Structure formats: structure tokens, C-alpha cells
Amino acid sequence: MHTAALWKSSDERRYEPRKPLHTRVQLLLPNTSLIEARAFDISLGGLGMVSPLNLPVRAQGTAAFSLPVKDGAIQTIRLPVRIAYSICSSANVGFKIGLQWLSIDEQDRFKIAAYIQT
């Protein structure tokens, strides 16, 4: 498994290059119901999403989302995450949430890297 320090300053939070990703995200935090959100970008370090809810920073849970892979196939990815930031965004009608992967296996890392490079 790969764990990385991925966050910089408040101006530039991620070290890793990002790529737009527009898909539904399901986030499960302890003691809450399933939270439905929508992704706007992805990196090897985490996922940016918009949520209708302001989520607690540093909360940990599991995120599930679909990722296009080669030959037009879609793969569901499930990863443990930590909420790195939550910012009110009137432009996005919700809260911009930064999720940081807590750990990622080599298969999922390869799939995300391949998506970013396409």
C-alpha cells in the first residue's frame, strides 16, 4: 500500500497533477448515512468533490466512485479517505471538499495514473 503526504498550503493543496473527473461519489463516514456528491477532479493523492453538506475536516471514511479505464470500461474504486478541506462554494451550489487517500493499493494507483495520463 502507498501512503503519501499530499497537501501543501491553502493556496495549492496537492502536490500531484489533477485531471477533471465528473462522476458521482458516495462517501461513507462513521455514524452517518451515505453522502452523495459529485467529483470535479482527481489526482494520485485524492479527489475533489462538491457536496451539499459541509463535512468535518479530518473526518475519515470510505469513498466510492466510477473511473473510466481502457477500452471505455468503467471501474468502481473504493478507497479510505480523510477530509482535508471543506469550503462553501456558491458557484458550485454546495461545499468544495478535498479528499485525501489514506492508503491506495498498486492496482488502484495504476488505474488512477492511467486515467490522469489519458
Protein backbone atom coordinates (compact mmCIF):
# COMPACT_ATOMS: atom_id res chain seq x y z
CA MET A 1 0.00 0.00 0.00
CA HIS A 2 1.08 3.54 -0.70
CA THR A 3 0.55 6.40 1.72
CA ALA A 4 1.74 9.87 0.88
CA ALA A 5 1.82 13.35 2.34
CA LEU A 6 -0.20 15.13 -0.27
CA TRP A 7 -1.23 18.53 0.99
CA LYS A 8 0.68 21.77 0.74
CA SER A 9 -0.58 25.22 1.66
CA SER A 10 -4.09 26.60 1.50
CA ASP A 11 -3.29 28.06 -1.95
CA GLU A 12 -2.09 24.82 -3.55
CA ARG A 13 -3.27 21.83 -1.58
CA ARG A 14 -2.00 18.94 -3.70
CA TYR A 15 1.43 18.01 -4.97
CA GLU A 16 0.07 15.63 -7.59
CA PRO A 17 -1.21 16.71 -11.04
CA ARG A 18 -5.00 16.71 -11.32
CA LYS A 19 -7.38 15.76 -14.09
CA PRO A 20 -11.06 16.65 -14.36
CA LEU A 21 -13.37 13.82 -13.38
CA HIS A 22 -17.14 14.23 -13.50
CA THR A 23 -18.78 11.32 -11.74
CA ARG A 24 -20.92 10.55 -8.71
CA VAL A 25 -19.14 9.94 -5.41
CA GLN A 26 -20.56 8.03 -2.49
CA LEU A 27 -18.91 8.87 0.81
CA LEU A 28 -19.49 6.88 3.96
CA LEU A 29 -18.36 8.45 7.23
CA PRO A 30 -18.74 6.76 10.63
CA ASN A 31 -22.14 7.31 12.27
CA THR A 32 -23.67 8.99 9.20
CA SER A 33 -25.81 7.93 6.31
CA LEU A 34 -24.33 7.63 2.82
CA ILE A 35 -23.40 11.05 1.40
CA GLU A 36 -23.93 11.59 -2.33
CA ALA A 37 -21.61 14.10 -4.00
CA ARG A 38 -20.07 14.78 -7.41
CA ALA A 39 -16.39 14.70 -8.29
CA PHE A 40 -14.73 17.51 -10.21
CA ASP A 41 -11.11 16.30 -10.30
CA ILE A 42 -8.76 13.51 -9.27
CA SER A 43 -5.05 13.02 -8.59
CA LEU A 44 -2.86 10.27 -7.25
CA GLY A 45 -3.26 11.99 -3.89
CA GLY A 46 -7.01 12.42 -3.67
CA LEU A 47 -10.30 13.58 -5.11
CA GLY A 48 -12.02 16.95 -5.33
CA MET A 49 -15.80 16.85 -4.97
CA VAL A 50 -18.82 19.04 -4.37
CA SER A 51 -21.18 18.06 -1.57
CA PRO A 52 -24.49 19.57 -0.47
CA LEU A 53 -23.19 19.19 3.11
CA ASN A 54 -20.35 20.90 4.96
CA LEU A 55 -18.32 17.91 6.12
CA PRO A 56 -15.97 17.89 9.11
CA VAL A 57 -12.30 18.37 8.26
CA ARG A 58 -10.11 15.41 9.29
CA ALA A 59 -13.10 13.02 9.36
CA GLN A 60 -12.23 9.63 7.88
CA GLY A 61 -14.37 7.30 5.83
CA THR A 62 -14.62 5.45 2.53
CA ALA A 63 -15.22 6.99 -0.89
CA ALA A 64 -16.58 5.03 -3.86
CA PHE A 65 -16.64 6.38 -7.41
CA SER A 66 -16.53 5.24 -11.03
CA LEU A 67 -13.39 5.70 -13.07
CA PRO A 68 -13.13 5.25 -16.85
CA VAL A 69 -10.43 2.70 -17.70
CA LYS A 70 -9.05 1.44 -21.01
CA ASP A 71 -11.37 0.35 -23.82
CA GLY A 72 -14.22 2.50 -22.48
CA ALA A 73 -14.83 0.28 -19.46
CA ILE A 74 -15.82 1.75 -16.09
CA GLN A 75 -14.25 0.56 -12.83
CA THR A 76 -15.60 1.23 -9.34
CA ILE A 77 -12.88 2.39 -6.97
CA ARG A 78 -13.30 2.30 -3.18
CA LEU A 79 -10.64 3.95 -1.05
CA PRO A 80 -10.21 5.05 2.56
CA VAL A 81 -10.13 8.85 2.75
CA ARG A 82 -9.69 11.81 5.06
CA ILE A 83 -11.45 15.12 4.51
CA ALA A 84 -8.68 17.68 4.01
CA TYR A 85 -10.85 20.77 3.50
CA SER A 86 -14.44 21.91 3.09
CA ILE A 87 -15.13 25.32 1.55
CA CYS A 88 -18.52 26.91 0.85
CA SER A 89 -18.85 27.49 -2.90
CA SER A 90 -21.81 29.46 -4.23
CA ALA A 91 -20.55 28.84 -7.78
CA ASN A 92 -20.86 25.08 -7.23
CA VAL A 93 -24.01 25.31 -5.09
CA GLY A 94 -22.53 23.39 -2.20
CA PHE A 95 -19.21 22.75 -0.50
CA LYS A 96 -15.96 22.01 -2.30
CA ILE A 97 -14.46 19.08 -0.43
CA GLY A 98 -10.91 17.79 -0.71
CA LEU A 99 -10.50 14.08 -0.02
CA GLN A 100 -7.04 12.66 0.65
CA TRP A 101 -6.41 8.95 0.11
CA LEU A 102 -5.30 7.37 3.37
CA SER A 103 -3.91 4.36 1.54
CA ILE A 104 -4.03 3.10 -2.01
CA ASP A 105 -3.01 -0.28 -3.40
CA GLU A 106 -0.89 -0.55 -6.52
CA GLN A 107 -3.81 -1.66 -8.74
CA ASP A 108 -5.94 1.38 -7.89
CA ARG A 109 -2.90 3.66 -8.11
CA PHE A 110 -2.18 2.30 -11.61
CA LYS A 111 -5.81 2.83 -12.73
CA ILE A 112 -5.86 6.42 -11.47
CA ALA A 113 -2.44 7.16 -13.02
CA ALA A 114 -3.59 5.73 -16.35
CA TYR A 115 -6.75 7.89 -16.25
CA ILE A 116 -4.75 11.03 -15.46
CA GLN A 117 -2.36 10.37 -18.35
CA THR A 118 -5.13 9.99 -20.96
